[in-house]
């Protein structure tokens, strides 16, 4: 049985704050195939890796980089810059880069191109217009709109450049996977539900799984 690519959602966050360098290092150490992380733009046009649009009641976009670098999350962890995160993640991993409040797309792409390979990098966002602009600016990158999978069925096509179907892990079926594969696409599953749902999704032949529990997913894959 083909083994799916395991992507750690914001790093390996079981014991570490998400989107930190420590969580990224831990994800590499347990053997994931990829890492997802979030990017925000600061008031002075720099880029940091952080999920929320604000911290301590202030928006990231209103703070300069030097102000953000003084802040700590969890028990004293720093908020990394995009450059620092990419240096830790290095090459060899698939990177799923979610753009949050990012305005300077050309500057962002310039930073990215210096440190990543387009073939191993997927740019995603809930903002369809932003993904449309990225697709024009960076046709060599895979770009995808993140689907809202909260509704019934949980299956929504990705952006036309992505080439995969997004589906909740607890909604995966053999039919869904076969249909996507027959069309030449991939099935991207968001890990959800219990361990029985996880095992069933893996047995259905999904291609990619993004998870908050990469250690458990990797363990289940080894037992298949």
Protein backbone atom coordinates (compact mmCIF):
# COMPACT_ATOMS: atom_id res chain seq x y z
CA UNK A 1 0.00 0.00 0.00
CA UNK A 2 1.26 3.45 -0.92
CA UNK A 3 2.27 5.56 2.07
CA UNK A 4 0.82 9.08 2.21
CA UNK A 5 2.85 12.21 2.74
CA UNK A 6 2.51 13.32 6.37
CA UNK A 7 2.41 17.08 6.93
CA UNK A 8 2.75 18.38 10.50
CA UNK A 9 0.23 21.17 11.07
CA UNK A 10 2.27 24.13 12.40
CA UNK A 11 5.06 21.74 13.37
CA UNK A 12 5.03 19.02 16.02
CA UNK A 13 2.95 20.75 18.66
CA UNK A 14 2.27 18.01 21.20
CA UNK A 15 4.56 19.64 23.76
CA UNK A 16 5.56 22.85 21.98
CA UNK A 17 3.81 26.05 20.86
CA UNK A 18 2.77 25.96 17.23
CA UNK A 19 4.69 27.82 14.54
CA UNK A 20 7.87 27.96 16.62
CA UNK A 21 11.36 26.92 15.55
CA UNK A 22 11.31 24.28 18.27
CA UNK A 23 8.09 22.76 16.88
CA UNK A 24 9.59 22.70 13.38
CA UNK A 25 12.77 20.98 14.58
CA UNK A 26 10.71 18.41 16.47
CA UNK A 27 8.65 17.69 13.35
CA UNK A 28 11.78 17.02 11.33
CA UNK A 29 13.11 14.73 14.05
CA UNK A 30 10.08 12.45 14.05
CA UNK A 31 10.31 12.02 10.28
CA UNK A 32 7.42 13.96 8.74
CA UNK A 33 7.43 14.56 5.02
CA UNK A 34 6.24 18.14 5.25
CA UNK A 35 5.31 21.03 7.54
CA UNK A 36 2.53 23.60 7.36
CA UNK A 37 3.02 27.09 8.81
CA UNK A 38 1.42 30.54 8.73
CA UNK A 39 2.88 33.82 7.52
CA UNK A 40 1.95 37.37 8.57
CA UNK A 41 3.35 40.68 7.33
CA UNK A 42 4.48 43.29 9.86
CA UNK A 43 3.96 47.04 9.74
CA UNK A 44 7.44 47.52 8.29
CA UNK A 45 7.06 44.95 5.51
CA UNK A 46 8.81 42.02 7.19
CA UNK A 47 7.38 38.51 7.49
CA UNK A 48 6.86 36.46 10.63
CA UNK A 49 5.49 32.99 11.25
CA UNK A 50 2.42 33.27 13.45
CA UNK A 51 -1.14 32.00 13.17
CA UNK A 52 -3.33 34.69 14.76
CA UNK A 53 -3.80 38.11 13.20
CA UNK A 54 -3.14 39.77 16.55
CA UNK A 55 -1.18 39.27 19.74
CA UNK A 56 -1.77 40.94 23.13
CA UNK A 57 -4.67 42.84 21.58
CA UNK A 58 -2.56 44.38 18.80
CA UNK A 59 -2.67 43.32 15.16
CA UNK A 60 0.51 41.88 13.71
CA UNK A 61 0.15 44.26 10.77
CA UNK A 62 0.37 47.24 13.16
CA UNK A 63 3.58 46.07 14.84
CA UNK A 64 7.12 46.43 13.57
CA UNK A 65 9.42 43.43 13.48
CA UNK A 66 11.53 44.70 16.38
CA UNK A 67 8.39 44.90 18.55
CA UNK A 68 7.35 41.35 17.68
CA UNK A 69 10.83 40.02 18.38
CA UNK A 70 10.50 41.20 21.98
CA UNK A 71 7.35 39.10 22.50
CA UNK A 72 7.22 35.50 23.70
CA UNK A 73 4.62 32.75 23.36
CA UNK A 74 4.09 29.74 25.59
CA UNK A 75 6.89 29.43 28.13
CA UNK A 76 9.30 31.88 26.56
CA UNK A 77 9.35 30.88 22.87
CA UNK A 78 10.16 33.48 20.22
CA UNK A 79 8.01 34.27 17.20
CA UNK A 80 10.25 33.39 14.24
CA UNK A 81 10.76 35.34 11.07
CA UNK A 82 10.02 33.65 7.76
CA UNK A 83 13.75 33.44 7.07
CA UNK A 84 14.45 31.75 10.41
CA UNK A 85 11.67 29.23 9.86
CA UNK A 86 12.92 28.33 6.39
CA UNK A 87 16.49 27.97 7.67
CA UNK A 88 15.31 25.44 10.28
CA UNK A 89 13.01 23.56 7.93
CA UNK A 90 15.71 23.42 5.27
CA UNK A 91 15.33 21.55 2.02
CA UNK A 92 13.89 18.11 1.57
CA UNK A 93 10.51 18.77 3.21
CA UNK A 94 7.30 19.70 1.45
CA UNK A 95 6.25 23.12 2.76
CA UNK A 96 2.62 24.19 2.99
CA UNK A 97 2.75 27.95 3.46
CA UNK A 98 -0.50 29.59 4.53
CA UNK A 99 -0.67 33.30 3.87
CA UNK A 100 -2.64 35.23 6.46
CA UNK A 101 -2.36 39.04 6.43
CA UNK A 102 0.19 39.39 3.64
CA UNK A 103 0.06 42.48 1.43
CA UNK A 104 3.46 42.63 -0.31
CA UNK A 105 3.22 39.49 -2.42
CA UNK A 106 6.19 40.20 -4.67
CA UNK A 107 8.41 40.88 -1.67
CA UNK A 108 7.12 37.71 0.02
CA UNK A 109 7.89 35.64 -3.09
CA UNK A 110 11.36 37.15 -3.30
CA UNK A 111 12.08 36.01 0.28
CA UNK A 112 10.64 32.58 -0.45
CA UNK A 113 12.51 31.94 -3.68
CA UNK A 114 15.87 32.49 -2.01
CA UNK A 115 15.33 29.54 0.32
CA UNK A 116 12.86 27.04 -1.13
CA UNK A 117 12.28 24.97 -4.23
CA UNK A 118 8.96 25.72 -5.93
CA UNK A 119 8.40 22.04 -6.68
CA UNK A 120 8.27 21.28 -2.95
CA UNK A 121 6.24 24.31 -1.86
CA UNK A 122 2.47 24.87 -1.83
CA UNK A 123 1.04 28.33 -1.18
CA UNK A 124 -2.42 28.36 0.37
CA UNK A 125 -4.94 30.81 1.78
CA UNK A 126 -8.64 31.12 2.59
CA UNK A 127 -8.54 34.28 0.42
CA UNK A 128 -9.38 33.20 -3.14
CA UNK A 129 -8.45 36.60 -4.61
CA UNK A 130 -5.02 36.42 -2.99
CA UNK A 131 -4.44 32.94 -4.40
CA UNK A 132 -5.49 34.19 -7.81
CA UNK A 133 -2.84 36.93 -7.65
CA UNK A 134 -0.21 34.49 -6.43
CA UNK A 135 -1.00 32.13 -9.31
CA UNK A 136 -0.26 34.96 -11.75
CA UNK A 137 2.90 36.13 -9.96
CA UNK A 138 4.30 32.66 -9.30
CA UNK A 139 3.03 30.15 -11.88
CA UNK A 140 5.85 27.77 -10.93
CA UNK A 141 4.39 27.33 -7.41
CA UNK A 142 1.36 25.22 -6.60
CA UNK A 143 -1.33 27.52 -5.20
CA UNK A 144 -4.60 26.49 -3.56
CA UNK A 145 -7.59 27.99 -1.83
CA UNK A 146 -8.20 26.34 1.54
CA UNK A 147 -11.66 24.81 1.48
CA UNK A 148 -14.13 25.17 4.32
CA UNK A 149 -14.71 21.54 5.21
CA UNK A 150 -17.20 22.16 8.01
CA UNK A 151 -20.27 21.44 5.90
CA UNK A 152 -21.93 18.13 5.17
CA UNK A 153 -19.81 15.73 3.18
CA UNK A 154 -16.71 17.80 3.69
CA UNK A 155 -15.47 17.51 0.10
CA UNK A 156 -14.54 20.63 -1.82
CA UNK A 157 -12.28 20.93 -4.88
CA UNK A 158 -9.05 22.81 -4.40
CA UNK A 159 -8.02 25.73 -6.59
CA UNK A 160 -7.62 24.71 -10.22
CA UNK A 161 -3.83 24.95 -9.98
CA UNK A 162 -3.63 22.63 -7.01
CA UNK A 163 -4.60 19.31 -8.56
CA UNK A 164 -5.96 17.79 -5.38
CA UNK A 165 -9.27 17.27 -3.61
CA UNK A 166 -9.48 18.41 0.01
CA UNK A 167 -11.47 16.24 2.38
CA UNK A 168 -11.92 15.82 6.12
CA UNK A 169 -10.29 12.69 7.42
CA UNK A 170 -13.54 11.41 8.92
CA UNK A 171 -15.29 11.87 5.56
CA UNK A 172 -12.80 9.96 3.41
CA UNK A 173 -14.18 7.06 1.39
CA UNK A 174 -12.69 4.65 -1.11
CA UNK A 175 -15.04 6.14 -3.72
CA UNK A 176 -13.74 9.67 -3.08
CA UNK A 177 -10.17 8.53 -3.49
CA UNK A 178 -10.88 6.50 -6.63
CA UNK A 179 -12.75 9.39 -8.26
CA UNK A 180 -9.89 11.81 -7.59
CA UNK A 181 -7.28 9.34 -8.80
CA UNK A 182 -9.27 8.53 -11.95
CA UNK A 183 -9.21 12.26 -12.74
CA UNK A 184 -5.46 12.36 -12.24
CA UNK A 185 -5.64 14.26 -8.96
CA UNK A 186 -4.51 13.70 -5.39
CA UNK A 187 -6.53 13.43 -2.19
CA UNK A 188 -5.48 15.81 0.57
CA UNK A 189 -7.00 14.78 3.91
CA UNK A 190 -7.26 16.95 7.01
CA UNK A 191 -6.82 14.65 9.99
CA UNK A 192 -10.02 14.68 12.04
CA UNK A 193 -12.04 12.25 14.09
CA UNK A 194 -10.70 9.39 16.15
CA UNK A 195 -8.04 6.81 15.47
CA UNK A 196 -10.53 4.50 13.74
CA UNK A 197 -11.29 7.29 11.25
CA UNK A 198 -7.56 7.81 10.77
CA UNK A 199 -6.92 4.14 10.04
CA UNK A 200 -9.81 3.99 7.59
CA UNK A 201 -8.61 7.11 5.74
CA UNK A 202 -5.12 5.67 5.45
CA UNK A 203 -6.44 2.36 4.12
CA UNK A 204 -8.50 4.21 1.50
CA UNK A 205 -5.26 5.31 -0.16
CA UNK A 206 -5.14 9.04 0.53
CA UNK A 207 -2.09 10.82 -0.86
CA UNK A 208 -1.47 13.56 1.72
CA UNK A 209 -2.57 13.99 5.33
CA UNK A 210 -2.13 17.12 7.42
CA UNK A 211 -2.29 16.46 11.13
CA UNK A 212 -1.82 17.86 14.62
CA UNK A 213 -0.68 14.40 15.74
CA UNK A 214 2.03 13.42 13.25
CA UNK A 215 3.63 10.94 15.65
CA UNK A 216 0.40 8.92 15.83
CA UNK A 217 -0.14 9.11 12.06
CA UNK A 218 3.41 7.93 11.35
CA UNK A 219 2.92 5.07 13.81
CA UNK A 220 -0.30 3.99 12.11
CA UNK A 221 1.32 4.12 8.67
CA UNK A 222 4.12 1.85 9.87
CA UNK A 223 1.52 -0.68 11.02
CA UNK A 224 -0.35 -0.79 7.70
